[in-house]
PDB file of N, CA and C in Angstrom:
ATOM      1  N   UNK A   1       0.751  -1.496   0.272  1.00  0.00           N
ATOM      2  CA  UNK A   1      -0.260   0.478  -0.184  1.00  0.00           C
ATOM      3  C   UNK A   1       0.504   0.790   0.199  1.00  0.00           C
ATOM      4  N   UNK A   2      -0.035   2.740  -0.539  1.00  0.00           N
ATOM      5  CA  UNK A   2       1.112   3.638  -1.218  1.00  0.00           C
ATOM      6  C   UNK A   2       0.741   4.677   0.149  1.00  0.00           C
ATOM      7  N   UNK A   3       0.659   5.239   1.026  1.00  0.00           N
ATOM      8  CA  UNK A   3       0.247   6.232   1.669  1.00  0.00           C
ATOM      9  C   UNK A   3       0.011   8.001   1.263  1.00  0.00           C
ATOM     10  N   UNK A   4      -1.049   8.336   1.639  1.00  0.00           N
ATOM     11  CA  UNK A   4      -0.890  10.312   1.247  1.00  0.00           C
ATOM     12  C   UNK A   4      -1.016  10.330   2.980  1.00  0.00           C
ATOM     13  N   UNK A   5      -0.170  11.350   3.735  1.00  0.00           N
ATOM     14  CA  UNK A   5      -0.373  11.622   5.170  1.00  0.00           C
ATOM     15  C   UNK A   5      -0.239  13.337   4.968  1.00  0.00           C
ATOM     16  N   UNK A   6      -1.368  13.598   6.138  1.00  0.00           N
ATOM     17  CA  UNK A   6      -0.959  14.670   6.612  1.00  0.00           C
ATOM     18  C   UNK A   6      -0.813  15.104   7.642  1.00  0.00           C
ATOM     19  N   UNK A   7      -0.294  16.004   8.131  1.00  0.00           N
ATOM     20  CA  UNK A   7       0.930  16.372   9.522  1.00  0.00           C
ATOM     21  C   UNK A   7       0.341  17.586   9.770  1.00  0.00           C
ATOM     22  N   UNK A   8       0.743  18.046  10.980  1.00  0.00           N
ATOM     23  CA  UNK A   8       0.855  19.115  11.740  1.00  0.00           C
ATOM     24  C   UNK A   8       1.759  19.379  13.362  1.00  0.00           C
ATOM     25  N   UNK A   9       2.391  20.340  13.128  1.00  0.00           N
ATOM     26  CA  UNK A   9       3.246  20.322  14.460  1.00  0.00           C
ATOM     27  C   UNK A   9       2.235  20.572  15.345  1.00  0.00           C
ATOM     28  N   UNK A  10       2.427  20.040  16.742  1.00  0.00           N
ATOM     29  CA  UNK A  10       2.187  20.183  17.935  1.00  0.00           C
ATOM     30  C   UNK A  10       3.037  21.429  18.328  1.00  0.00           C
ATOM     31  N   UNK A  11       4.072  21.883  18.100  1.00  0.00           N
ATOM     32  CA  UNK A  11       4.612  23.178  18.645  1.00  0.00           C
ATOM     33  C   UNK A  11       4.353  24.963  17.678  1.00  0.00           C
ATOM     34  N   UNK A  12       3.465  24.526  16.830  1.00  0.00           N
ATOM     35  CA  UNK A  12       3.840  24.895  15.744  1.00  0.00           C
ATOM     36  C   UNK A  12       2.473  24.281  15.264  1.00  0.00           C
ATOM     37  N   UNK A  13       1.124  24.778  15.438  1.00  0.00           N
ATOM     38  CA  UNK A  13      -0.086  24.131  14.624  1.00  0.00           C
ATOM     39  C   UNK A  13      -0.226  24.841  13.711  1.00  0.00           C
ATOM     40  N   UNK A  14       0.687  26.265  12.854  1.00  0.00           N
ATOM     41  CA  UNK A  14       0.242  26.186  11.929  1.00  0.00           C
ATOM     42  C   UNK A  14       0.390  26.077  10.787  1.00  0.00           C
ATOM     43  N   UNK A  15       2.020  25.024  11.293  1.00  0.00           N
ATOM     44  CA  UNK A  15       3.027  24.746  10.207  1.00  0.00           C
ATOM     45  C   UNK A  15       2.558  22.933  10.227  1.00  0.00           C
ATOM     46  N   UNK A  16       1.929  22.254   8.529  1.00  0.00           N
ATOM     47  CA  UNK A  16       1.073  21.072   8.190  1.00  0.00           C
ATOM     48  C   UNK A  16       2.265  20.602   6.765  1.00  0.00           C
ATOM     49  N   UNK A  17       2.148  19.626   6.831  1.00  0.00           N
ATOM     50  CA  UNK A  17       3.067  19.122   5.481  1.00  0.00           C
ATOM     51  C   UNK A  17       2.075  17.501   5.455  1.00  0.00           C
ATOM     52  N   UNK A  18       2.068  17.576   3.922  1.00  0.00           N
ATOM     53  CA  UNK A  18       1.821  16.908   3.221  1.00  0.00           C
ATOM     54  C   UNK A  18       2.660  15.819   1.952  1.00  0.00           C
ATOM     55  N   UNK A  19       3.242  14.478   3.093  1.00  0.00           N
ATOM     56  CA  UNK A  19       3.707  13.874   1.924  1.00  0.00           C
ATOM     57  C   UNK A  19       3.163  12.866   1.752  1.00  0.00           C
ATOM     58  N   UNK A  20       3.906  11.432   1.104  1.00  0.00           N
ATOM     59  CA  UNK A  20       3.594  10.349   0.205  1.00  0.00           C
ATOM     60  C   UNK A  20       4.896   9.027   0.596  1.00  0.00           C
ATOM     61  N   UNK A  21       4.078   7.934   1.315  1.00  0.00           N
ATOM     62  CA  UNK A  21       5.474   7.201   1.212  1.00  0.00           C
ATOM     63  C   UNK A  21       4.564   5.673   1.367  1.00  0.00           C
ATOM     64  N   UNK A  22       4.940   4.704   1.703  1.00  0.00           N
ATOM     65  CA  UNK A  22       4.819   3.469   2.160  1.00  0.00           C
ATOM     66  C   UNK A  22       5.249   3.048   3.330  1.00  0.00           C
ATOM     67  N   UNK A  23       5.662   3.303   3.662  1.00  0.00           N
ATOM     68  CA  UNK A  23       5.778   3.013   5.083  1.00  0.00           C
ATOM     69  C   UNK A  23       5.728   3.747   6.325  1.00  0.00           C
ATOM     70  N   UNK A  24       4.222   4.056   6.193  1.00  0.00           N
ATOM     71  CA  UNK A  24       3.784   5.165   8.078  1.00  0.00           C
ATOM     72  C   UNK A  24       4.399   5.104   8.952  1.00  0.00           C
ATOM     73  N   UNK A  25       4.264   4.315   8.902  1.00  0.00           N
ATOM     74  CA  UNK A  25       5.264   4.150  10.325  1.00  0.00           C
ATOM     75  C   UNK A  25       6.910   5.014  11.286  1.00  0.00           C
ATOM     76  N   UNK A  26       7.667   4.303   9.809  1.00  0.00           N
ATOM     77  CA  UNK A  26       8.195   4.382   9.644  1.00  0.00           C
ATOM     78  C   UNK A  26       8.783   6.165   9.358  1.00  0.00           C
ATOM     79  N   UNK A  27       7.586   6.468   7.985  1.00  0.00           N
ATOM     80  CA  UNK A  27       8.524   8.017   7.929  1.00  0.00           C
ATOM     81  C   UNK A  27       7.821   9.118   8.893  1.00  0.00           C
ATOM     82  N   UNK A  28       6.412   8.882   9.853  1.00  0.00           N
ATOM     83  CA  UNK A  28       6.434   9.784  10.602  1.00  0.00           C
ATOM     84  C   UNK A  28       7.651   9.674  11.845  1.00  0.00           C
ATOM     85  N   UNK A  29       8.105   8.320  12.064  1.00  0.00           N
ATOM     86  CA  UNK A  29       9.424   8.165  12.919  1.00  0.00           C
ATOM     87  C   UNK A  29      10.540   9.199  12.547  1.00  0.00           C
ATOM     88  N   UNK A  30      10.405   8.784  11.176  1.00  0.00           N
ATOM     89  CA  UNK A  30      11.437  10.064  10.681  1.00  0.00           C
ATOM     90  C   UNK A  30      11.189  11.222  10.790  1.00  0.00           C
ATOM     91  N   UNK A  31       9.971  11.924  10.507  1.00  0.00           N
ATOM     92  CA  UNK A  31       9.928  13.240  10.610  1.00  0.00           C
ATOM     93  C   UNK A  31      10.150  13.910  12.560  1.00  0.00           C
ATOM     94  N   UNK A  32      10.086  13.010  12.785  1.00  0.00           N
ATOM     95  CA  UNK A  32       9.609  12.761  14.269  1.00  0.00           C
ATOM     96  C   UNK A  32      11.339  13.272  14.898  1.00  0.00           C
ATOM     97  N   UNK A  33      11.641  12.136  14.452  1.00  0.00           N
ATOM     98  CA  UNK A  33      13.303  12.056  14.857  1.00  0.00           C
ATOM     99  C   UNK A  33      13.901  13.188  14.005  1.00  0.00           C
ATOM    100  N   UNK A  34      13.943  13.910  13.390  1.00  0.00           N
ATOM    101  CA  UNK A  34      14.627  14.807  13.003  1.00  0.00           C
ATOM    102  C   UNK A  34      15.717  14.360  11.216  1.00  0.00           C
ATOM    103  N   UNK A  35      14.922  12.822  11.133  1.00  0.00           N
ATOM    104  CA  UNK A  35      15.800  12.591   9.716  1.00  0.00           C
ATOM    105  C   UNK A  35      15.471  13.458   8.334  1.00  0.00           C
ATOM    106  N   UNK A  36      14.277  14.664   8.382  1.00  0.00           N
ATOM    107  CA  UNK A  36      13.615  14.816   6.452  1.00  0.00           C
ATOM    108  C   UNK A  36      14.740  16.927   6.933  1.00  0.00           C
ATOM    109  N   UNK A  37      15.072  17.243   6.914  1.00  0.00           N
ATOM    110  CA  UNK A  37      15.610  18.737   7.127  1.00  0.00           C
ATOM    111  C   UNK A  37      14.303  19.877   6.547  1.00  0.00           C
ATOM    112  N   UNK A  38      13.051  19.277   5.833  1.00  0.00           N
ATOM    113  CA  UNK A  38      11.944  19.944   5.520  1.00  0.00           C
ATOM    114  C   UNK A  38      11.387  20.946   6.935  1.00  0.00           C
ATOM    115  N   UNK A  39      11.329  19.377   7.982  1.00  0.00           N
ATOM    116  CA  UNK A  39      10.127  19.033   9.051  1.00  0.00           C
ATOM    117  C   UNK A  39      10.998  19.310  10.504  1.00  0.00           C
ATOM    118  N   UNK A  40      12.133  18.719  10.474  1.00  0.00           N
ATOM    119  CA  UNK A  40      12.802  18.584  11.131  1.00  0.00           C
ATOM    120  C   UNK A  40      12.624  19.996  12.743  1.00  0.00           C
ATOM    121  N   UNK A  41      12.707  21.295  12.158  1.00  0.00           N
ATOM    122  CA  UNK A  41      12.588  22.595  12.525  1.00  0.00           C
ATOM    123  C   UNK A  41      11.007  22.677  13.552  1.00  0.00           C
ATOM    124  N   UNK A  42       9.980  21.701  13.154  1.00  0.00           N
ATOM    125  CA  UNK A  42       8.490  22.031  13.319  1.00  0.00           C
ATOM    126  C   UNK A  42       7.869  20.216  14.244  1.00  0.00           C
ATOM    127  N   UNK A  43       9.120  19.656  14.879  1.00  0.00           N
ATOM    128  CA  UNK A  43       8.606  18.792  15.854  1.00  0.00           C
ATOM    129  C   UNK A  43       8.781  18.940  17.002  1.00  0.00           C
ATOM    130  N   UNK A  44       7.851  18.839  17.340  1.00  0.00           N
ATOM    131  CA  UNK A  44       7.130  17.246  17.276  1.00  0.00           C
ATOM    132  C   UNK A  44       5.875  17.287  15.958  1.00  0.00           C
ATOM    133  N   UNK A  45       5.838  16.071  15.425  1.00  0.00           N
ATOM    134  CA  UNK A  45       4.380  15.880  14.463  1.00  0.00           C
ATOM    135  C   UNK A  45       3.305  15.270  14.724  1.00  0.00           C
ATOM    136  N   UNK A  46       2.132  15.685  14.774  1.00  0.00           N
ATOM    137  CA  UNK A  46       1.306  14.405  15.029  1.00  0.00           C
ATOM    138  C   UNK A  46       0.533  14.299  13.394  1.00  0.00           C
ATOM    139  N   UNK A  47       0.260  12.914  13.627  1.00  0.00           N
ATOM    140  CA  UNK A  47      -0.526  12.608  11.680  1.00  0.00           C
ATOM    141  C   UNK A  47      -2.214  12.785  12.226  1.00  0.00           C
ATOM    142  N   UNK A  48      -2.498  13.749  11.101  1.00  0.00           N
ATOM    143  CA  UNK A  48      -3.986  14.599  11.259  1.00  0.00           C
ATOM    144  C   UNK A  48      -4.962  13.126  10.660  1.00  0.00           C
ATOM    145  N   UNK A  49      -4.379  12.847   9.199  1.00  0.00           N
ATOM    146  CA  UNK A  49      -5.152  11.597   8.502  1.00  0.00           C
ATOM    147  C   UNK A  49      -4.160  11.451   7.146  1.00  0.00           C
ATOM    148  N   UNK A  50      -4.452   9.904   7.327  1.00  0.00           N
ATOM    149  CA  UNK A  50      -3.925   9.572   6.182  1.00  0.00           C
ATOM    150  C   UNK A  50      -5.058   8.505   4.899  1.00  0.00           C
ATOM    151  N   UNK A  51      -4.013   8.142   4.045  1.00  0.00           N
ATOM    152  CA  UNK A  51      -5.153   7.160   2.592  1.00  0.00           C
ATOM    153  C   UNK A  51      -4.839   7.071   2.025  1.00  0.00           C
ATOM    154  N   UNK A  52      -4.675   5.576   1.862  1.00  0.00           N
ATOM    155  CA  UNK A  52      -4.430   4.648   1.702  1.00  0.00           C
ATOM    156  C   UNK A  52      -4.699   4.166  -0.094  1.00  0.00           C
ATOM    157  N   UNK A  53      -3.673   3.385  -1.100  1.00  0.00           N
ATOM    158  CA  UNK A  53      -4.274   3.211  -2.239  1.00  0.00           C
ATOM    159  C   UNK A  53      -3.008   1.905  -2.698  1.00  0.00           C
ATOM    160  N   UNK A  54      -4.032   1.557  -3.282  1.00  0.00           N
ATOM    161  CA  UNK A  54      -2.871   0.372  -3.764  1.00  0.00           C
ATOM    162  C   UNK A  54      -1.847   0.766  -4.938  1.00  0.00           C
ATOM    163  N   UNK A  55      -2.344   1.062  -5.473  1.00  0.00           N
ATOM    164  CA  UNK A  55      -1.089   2.059  -6.614  1.00  0.00           C
ATOM    165  C   UNK A  55      -0.820   3.078  -6.044  1.00  0.00           C
ATOM    166  N   UNK A  56       1.257   3.096  -6.350  1.00  0.00           N
ATOM    167  CA  UNK A  56       1.468   4.300  -5.694  1.00  0.00           C
ATOM    168  C   UNK A  56       1.036   4.873  -6.586  1.00  0.00           C
ATOM    169  N   UNK A  57       1.005   5.715  -8.168  1.00  0.00           N
ATOM    170  CA  UNK A  57       0.356   6.408  -9.390  1.00  0.00           C
ATOM    171  C   UNK A  57      -0.807   7.356  -8.471  1.00  0.00           C
ATOM    172  N   UNK A  58      -1.923   6.450  -8.306  1.00  0.00           N
ATOM    173  CA  UNK A  58      -2.590   6.869  -7.744  1.00  0.00           C
ATOM    174  C   UNK A  58      -2.779   7.457  -6.105  1.00  0.00           C
ATOM    175  N   UNK A  59      -2.124   6.993  -5.961  1.00  0.00           N
ATOM    176  CA  UNK A  59      -1.292   8.220  -4.447  1.00  0.00           C
ATOM    177  C   UNK A  59      -0.809   9.224  -4.560  1.00  0.00           C
ATOM    178  N   UNK A  60       0.129   9.707  -5.451  1.00  0.00           N
ATOM    179  CA  UNK A  60       0.853  10.146  -6.204  1.00  0.00           C
ATOM    180  C   UNK A  60       0.145  11.263  -6.819  1.00  0.00           C
ATOM    181  N   UNK A  61      -0.564  11.575  -7.438  1.00  0.00           N
ATOM    182  CA  UNK A  61      -1.770  11.687  -7.947  1.00  0.00           C
ATOM    183  C   UNK A  61      -2.748  12.740  -6.919  1.00  0.00           C
ATOM    184  N   UNK A  62      -2.919  12.026  -5.190  1.00  0.00           N
ATOM    185  CA  UNK A  62      -3.441  12.430  -5.099  1.00  0.00           C
ATOM    186  C   UNK A  62      -2.636  13.539  -3.907  1.00  0.00           C
ATOM    187  N   UNK A  63      -1.717  12.908  -3.877  1.00  0.00           N
ATOM    188  CA  UNK A  63      -0.456  14.501  -2.973  1.00  0.00           C
ATOM    189  C   UNK A  63      -0.497  15.330  -3.854  1.00  0.00           C
ATOM    190  N   UNK A  64       0.066  15.237  -4.979  1.00  0.00           N
ATOM    191  CA  UNK A  64      -0.182  16.649  -5.880  1.00  0.00           C
ATOM    192  C   UNK A  64      -1.355  16.809  -5.904  1.00  0.00           C
ATOM    193  N   UNK A  65      -2.449  16.721  -5.985  1.00  0.00           N
ATOM    194  CA  UNK A  65      -4.153  17.516  -6.083  1.00  0.00           C
ATOM    195  C   UNK A  65      -4.176  18.997  -4.769  1.00  0.00           C
ATOM    196  N   UNK A  66      -3.642  17.217  -3.147  1.00  0.00           N
ATOM    197  CA  UNK A  66      -3.544  18.479  -2.132  1.00  0.00           C
ATOM    198  C   UNK A  66      -2.303  19.023  -1.810  1.00  0.00           C
ATOM    199  N   UNK A  67      -1.029  19.122  -2.954  1.00  0.00           N
ATOM    200  CA  UNK A  67      -0.705  20.291  -2.837  1.00  0.00           C
ATOM    201  C   UNK A  67      -0.855  21.544  -3.829  1.00  0.00           C
ATOM    202  N   UNK A  68      -1.864  20.737  -3.776  1.00  0.00           N
ATOM    203  CA  UNK A  68      -1.727  22.401  -5.023  1.00  0.00           C
ATOM    204  C   UNK A  68      -3.264  23.281  -4.843  1.00  0.00           C
ATOM    205  N   UNK A  69      -3.310  24.827  -5.858  1.00  0.00           N
ATOM    206  CA  UNK A  69      -4.018  25.474  -4.735  1.00  0.00           C
ATOM    207  C   UNK A  69      -5.392  25.131  -4.363  1.00  0.00           C
ATOM    208  N   UNK A  70      -6.492  23.989  -5.303  1.00  0.00           N
ATOM    209  CA  UNK A  70      -7.401  23.961  -4.937  1.00  0.00           C
ATOM    210  C   UNK A  70      -7.227  22.509  -3.905  1.00  0.00           C
ATOM    211  N   UNK A  71      -6.101  21.898  -3.501  1.00  0.00           N
ATOM    212  CA  UNK A  71      -6.649  20.606  -2.575  1.00  0.00           C
ATOM    213  C   UNK A  71      -6.109  21.426  -2.044  1.00  0.00           C
ATOM    214  N   UNK A  72      -5.421  22.800  -1.503  1.00  0.00           N
ATOM    215  CA  UNK A  72      -5.173  22.913   0.094  1.00  0.00           C
ATOM    216  C   UNK A  72      -6.233  23.587   0.762  1.00  0.00           C
ATOM    217  N   UNK A  73      -7.157  23.761  -0.045  1.00  0.00           N
ATOM    218  CA  UNK A  73      -8.407  24.616  -0.232  1.00  0.00           C
ATOM    219  C   UNK A  73      -9.156  23.417   0.389  1.00  0.00           C
ATOM    220  N   UNK A  74      -9.695  22.227  -0.541  1.00  0.00           N
ATOM    221  CA  UNK A  74     -10.291  21.248   0.286  1.00  0.00           C
ATOM    222  C   UNK A  74      -9.613  20.892   1.802  1.00  0.00           C
ATOM    223  N   UNK A  75      -8.625  20.064   1.615  1.00  0.00           N
ATOM    224  CA  UNK A  75      -8.059  20.022   3.459  1.00  0.00           C
ATOM    225  C   UNK A  75      -7.558  21.091   4.480  1.00  0.00           C
ATOM    226  N   UNK A  76      -7.630  21.863   3.777  1.00  0.00           N
ATOM    227  CA  UNK A  76      -8.349  22.695   4.837  1.00  0.00           C
ATOM    228  C   UNK A  76      -9.626  22.972   5.497  1.00  0.00           C
ATOM    229  N   UNK A  77     -10.645  22.437   4.165  1.00  0.00           N
ATOM    230  CA  UNK A  77     -12.072  22.809   5.085  1.00  0.00           C
ATOM    231  C   UNK A  77     -12.177  21.209   5.435  1.00  0.00           C
ATOM    232  N   UNK A  78     -11.703  19.872   5.209  1.00  0.00           N
ATOM    233  CA  UNK A  78     -12.294  18.935   5.991  1.00  0.00           C
ATOM    234  C   UNK A  78     -10.326  18.275   6.581  1.00  0.00           C
ATOM    235  N   UNK A  79      -9.599  18.554   7.090  1.00  0.00           N
ATOM    236  CA  UNK A  79      -8.320  18.399   7.101  1.00  0.00           C
ATOM    237  C   UNK A  79      -8.130  18.970   8.720  1.00  0.00           C
ATOM    238  N   UNK A  80      -7.533  20.556   8.269  1.00  0.00           N
ATOM    239  CA  UNK A  80      -7.413  20.998   9.083  1.00  0.00           C
ATOM    240  C   UNK A  80      -8.455  21.579  10.307  1.00  0.00           C
TER     241      UNK A  80
END
């Protein structure tokens, strides 16, 4: 399975992150351990939502959508 996940910083709630992975537990742990330079300064992170896809291509399409203008508006209404 491939997962699109949405996280929010615990210490800076205005900081959010959308990502894609095939191992959700390991990826979230890496974010919280500081293993990702983009998210290290806002840790710890909490998982807000994740969405599972059988095909990586479909997951990547959904991630791209959520990072687009209309996708960010959608996420703002439904997840944040």
